[in-house]
Amino acid sequence: MKAIDLLMEEHHALESVLNALEAAAKRLRDGEPVPDGTLEDIFLFCRRFTDGCHHLNEEQILFPALAAHGLTPDMTPMSALVAQHESGRAFLTELQRAYDRFGAGDQSARGEVYILAREYVGMLREHIWIENHYFRSPAAKALTAEEDARLADAILTCFACMHPALEKDCGHAEAVIMNCPYANDIHNDDTQRCKCCGECSHECAMDI
């Protein structure tokens, strides 16, 4: 399996967590019960896996390699993907702040959490769609065998060294989903389990 296919396979885990976030945020907005720790686990997953591993591997390895082959960051769809990475980080920050206000007793933050979650989910779904339909094929064709091996090694190394840490802190992707009954199941496959970058060899996008 090519490295770009490993990244695409990770989208299954992302989509399941996005489903969980959307449903849990809607229940929060409507005043319905949300299982304890569900949103906290989802936020942690998004910081450590979505941004701290999946997007980071793209930014530090995949995008520079593609730029060397003429697919520069100012080209569409690559420019859209880079911009969405930045937007995702901003959404997560605002979403965490709104949820913290709710946790401190601000009931008006319920609606804000839902709106931010819905916008974050919608943006990432579009991001995944662009990668699946417009980015996968040219990326797979452009990468040399050496570049592909380097990206695959980063993906698998991130999983190998971060799975124990993430399992200790919040459980792997399957555990996050199982704790939230509103999400779809994901396959029990190593390439689809969540990872984080707290101990990976590459620099993390944020200090967790």
Protein backbone atom coordinates (compact mmCIF):
# COMPACT_ATOMS: atom_id res chain seq x y z
CA MET A 1 0.00 0.00 0.00
CA LYS A 2 1.34 3.43 -0.94
CA ALA A 3 1.85 6.06 1.75
CA ILE A 4 -0.83 8.30 0.25
CA ASP A 5 -3.26 5.40 0.62
CA LEU A 6 -2.37 5.14 4.32
CA LEU A 7 -3.26 8.81 4.72
CA MET A 8 -6.54 8.27 2.87
CA GLU A 9 -7.35 5.26 5.07
CA GLU A 10 -6.99 7.50 8.12
CA HIS A 11 -9.99 9.42 6.81
CA HIS A 12 -12.24 6.59 8.02
CA ALA A 13 -11.27 7.33 11.63
CA LEU A 14 -11.60 11.07 11.05
CA GLU A 15 -15.08 10.72 9.58
CA SER A 16 -16.30 8.59 12.49
CA VAL A 17 -15.04 11.10 15.04
CA LEU A 18 -16.60 13.97 13.07
CA ASN A 19 -19.93 12.13 13.18
CA ALA A 20 -19.56 11.76 16.94
CA LEU A 21 -18.66 15.43 17.40
CA GLU A 22 -21.58 16.66 15.32
CA ALA A 23 -24.12 14.48 17.13
CA ALA A 24 -22.78 15.17 20.62
CA ALA A 25 -22.68 18.94 20.00
CA LYS A 26 -26.28 18.85 18.77
CA ARG A 27 -27.38 17.04 21.92
CA LEU A 28 -25.51 19.60 24.01
CA ARG A 29 -27.28 22.43 22.17
CA ASP A 30 -30.66 20.79 22.73
CA GLY A 31 -30.04 20.22 26.44
CA GLU A 32 -29.91 16.46 26.06
CA PRO A 33 -27.40 14.33 28.00
CA VAL A 34 -23.96 13.71 26.53
CA PRO A 35 -21.87 10.88 28.06
CA ASP A 36 -19.22 12.22 30.41
CA GLY A 37 -15.88 12.78 28.75
CA THR A 38 -17.20 12.34 25.20
CA LEU A 39 -16.47 15.84 23.93
CA GLU A 40 -13.21 16.05 25.87
CA ASP A 41 -12.01 12.82 24.23
CA ILE A 42 -13.06 14.02 20.79
CA PHE A 43 -11.23 17.34 21.22
CA LEU A 44 -8.11 15.49 22.34
CA PHE A 45 -8.35 13.13 19.38
CA CYS A 46 -8.67 16.07 16.99
CA ARG A 47 -5.64 17.83 18.46
CA ARG A 48 -3.42 14.78 18.65
CA PHE A 49 -4.47 12.77 15.62
CA THR A 50 -6.16 15.08 13.13
CA ASP A 51 -3.85 18.05 13.58
CA GLY A 52 -0.84 16.71 15.48
CA CYS A 53 -0.29 13.66 13.28
CA HIS A 54 -2.35 13.42 10.09
CA HIS A 55 -2.05 17.06 9.03
CA LEU A 56 1.49 17.33 10.34
CA ASN A 57 2.67 14.43 8.19
CA GLU A 58 1.16 16.19 5.20
CA GLU A 59 2.75 19.53 6.01
CA GLN A 60 6.22 18.30 7.00
CA ILE A 61 6.68 15.48 4.49
CA LEU A 62 4.01 15.20 1.80
CA PHE A 63 3.55 18.83 0.76
CA PRO A 64 7.30 19.64 0.57
CA ALA A 65 7.86 16.50 -1.54
CA LEU A 66 5.05 17.48 -3.90
CA ALA A 67 6.36 21.04 -4.12
CA ALA A 68 9.67 19.61 -5.34
CA HIS A 69 7.71 18.05 -8.21
CA GLY A 70 5.98 21.29 -9.16
CA LEU A 71 2.84 20.95 -7.04
CA THR A 72 3.46 24.15 -5.10
CA PRO A 73 1.32 25.31 -2.15
CA ASP A 74 -0.23 28.11 -4.23
CA MET A 75 -1.85 25.61 -6.58
CA THR A 76 -5.42 24.38 -6.23
CA PRO A 77 -6.37 22.07 -4.53
CA MET A 78 -3.18 22.19 -2.48
CA SER A 79 -3.73 25.81 -1.50
CA ALA A 80 -7.20 24.91 -0.21
CA LEU A 81 -5.81 22.02 1.85
CA VAL A 82 -3.14 24.17 3.48
CA ALA A 83 -5.68 26.89 4.30
CA GLN A 84 -8.04 24.33 5.79
CA HIS A 85 -5.31 23.02 8.09
CA GLU A 86 -4.96 26.52 9.53
CA SER A 87 -8.72 26.96 9.75
CA GLY A 88 -9.04 23.66 11.57
CA ARG A 89 -6.58 24.77 14.26
CA ALA A 90 -8.46 28.03 14.72
CA PHE A 91 -11.80 26.20 14.97
CA LEU A 92 -10.42 23.80 17.58
CA THR A 93 -9.13 26.68 19.70
CA GLU A 94 -12.46 28.51 19.60
CA LEU A 95 -14.40 25.30 20.14
CA GLN A 96 -12.38 24.44 23.24
CA ARG A 97 -12.86 27.95 24.63
CA ALA A 98 -16.62 27.80 24.10
CA TYR A 99 -16.83 24.38 25.72
CA ASP A 100 -14.73 25.58 28.66
CA ARG A 101 -17.20 28.43 29.17
CA PHE A 102 -20.04 25.94 29.16
CA GLY A 103 -18.17 23.81 31.70
CA ALA A 104 -17.79 26.90 33.89
CA GLY A 105 -21.55 27.35 33.93
CA ASP A 106 -22.26 29.57 30.92
CA GLN A 107 -25.36 27.93 29.46
CA SER A 108 -25.38 30.34 26.52
CA ALA A 109 -22.22 28.61 25.27
CA ARG A 110 -24.26 25.54 24.31
CA GLY A 111 -25.28 27.11 21.03
CA GLU A 112 -21.81 28.41 20.30
CA VAL A 113 -20.29 24.96 20.83
CA TYR A 114 -22.78 23.52 18.35
CA ILE A 115 -22.20 26.22 15.71
CA LEU A 116 -18.42 25.94 15.94
CA ALA A 117 -18.57 22.13 15.91
CA ARG A 118 -20.84 22.16 12.86
CA GLU A 119 -18.51 24.54 11.00
CA TYR A 120 -15.43 22.51 11.98
CA VAL A 121 -17.07 19.25 10.89
CA GLY A 122 -18.25 20.76 7.61
CA MET A 123 -14.81 22.15 6.82
CA LEU A 124 -13.06 18.83 7.51
CA ARG A 125 -15.59 16.86 5.50
CA GLU A 126 -14.89 19.15 2.55
CA HIS A 127 -11.17 18.75 3.23
CA ILE A 128 -11.46 14.96 3.15
CA TRP A 129 -13.54 15.10 -0.04
CA ILE A 130 -10.92 17.25 -1.81
CA GLU A 131 -8.13 14.89 -0.78
CA ASN A 132 -10.06 11.78 -1.79
CA HIS A 133 -11.25 13.05 -5.18
CA TYR A 134 -8.67 15.57 -6.40
CA PHE A 135 -5.47 14.98 -4.49
CA ARG A 136 -4.94 11.26 -4.11
CA SER A 137 -4.09 10.37 -7.71
CA PRO A 138 -1.63 13.20 -8.53
CA ALA A 139 0.09 12.78 -5.18
CA ALA A 140 0.51 9.04 -5.69
CA LYS A 141 1.94 9.59 -9.16
CA ALA A 142 4.31 12.38 -8.11
CA LEU A 143 6.04 10.73 -5.15
CA THR A 144 9.18 8.77 -5.82
CA ALA A 145 9.68 5.39 -4.15
CA GLU A 146 12.04 7.01 -1.64
CA GLU A 147 9.59 9.82 -0.82
CA ASP A 148 6.75 7.34 -0.51
CA ALA A 149 8.79 5.19 1.87
CA ARG A 150 9.69 8.21 4.01
CA LEU A 151 6.05 9.26 4.34
CA ALA A 152 4.91 5.71 5.09
CA ASP A 153 7.61 5.37 7.74
CA ALA A 154 6.48 8.61 9.41
CA ILE A 155 2.87 7.45 9.46
CA LEU A 156 3.66 4.02 10.88
CA THR A 157 6.26 5.36 13.34
CA CYS A 158 3.74 7.86 14.63
CA PHE A 159 1.28 5.07 15.20
CA ALA A 160 3.82 2.75 16.84
CA CYS A 161 5.18 5.25 19.33
CA MET A 162 2.01 7.22 20.03
CA HIS A 163 -0.63 4.54 20.36
CA PRO A 164 0.37 3.63 23.96
CA ALA A 165 0.41 7.31 25.03
CA LEU A 166 -2.93 8.10 23.45
CA GLU A 167 -4.49 4.90 24.76
CA LYS A 168 -3.38 5.91 28.26
CA ASP A 169 -4.76 9.45 27.97
CA CYS A 170 -8.00 9.04 26.07
CA GLY A 171 -8.14 5.62 24.46
CA HIS A 172 -7.55 4.91 20.77
CA ALA A 173 -10.00 5.92 18.05
CA GLU A 174 -12.26 2.94 18.58
CA ALA A 175 -12.55 3.73 22.28
CA VAL A 176 -13.51 7.33 21.54
CA ILE A 177 -16.25 6.14 19.24
CA MET A 178 -17.48 3.44 21.62
CA ASN A 179 -17.82 6.03 24.37
CA CYS A 180 -20.11 8.07 22.11
CA PRO A 181 -23.12 6.06 20.90
CA TYR A 182 -23.92 8.48 18.09
CA ALA A 183 -20.99 7.70 15.77
CA ASN A 184 -20.48 5.05 13.14
CA ASP A 185 -18.22 2.10 13.81
CA ILE A 186 -14.74 2.12 12.31
CA HIS A 187 -12.75 -0.88 11.17
CA ASN A 188 -10.37 -2.51 13.62
CA ASP A 189 -7.30 -1.81 11.51
CA ASP A 190 -3.95 -0.40 12.58
CA THR A 191 -3.98 2.16 9.76
CA GLN A 192 -7.29 3.51 11.07
CA ARG A 193 -6.47 3.81 14.76
CA CYS A 194 -5.73 7.18 16.19
CA LYS A 195 -2.22 8.42 16.80
CA CYS A 196 -0.69 11.48 18.39
CA CYS A 197 2.65 13.16 18.05
CA GLY A 198 3.71 13.74 21.65
CA GLU A 199 6.66 11.38 21.31
CA CYS A 200 7.14 11.19 17.55
CA SER A 201 10.47 12.05 15.97
CA HIS A 202 9.04 15.05 14.14
CA GLU A 203 8.07 18.32 15.74
CA CYS A 204 4.48 18.66 16.87
CA ALA A 205 2.28 21.45 15.60
CA MET A 206 1.15 22.26 19.11
CA ASP A 207 2.41 21.58 22.59
CA ILE A 208 0.03 19.03 24.09
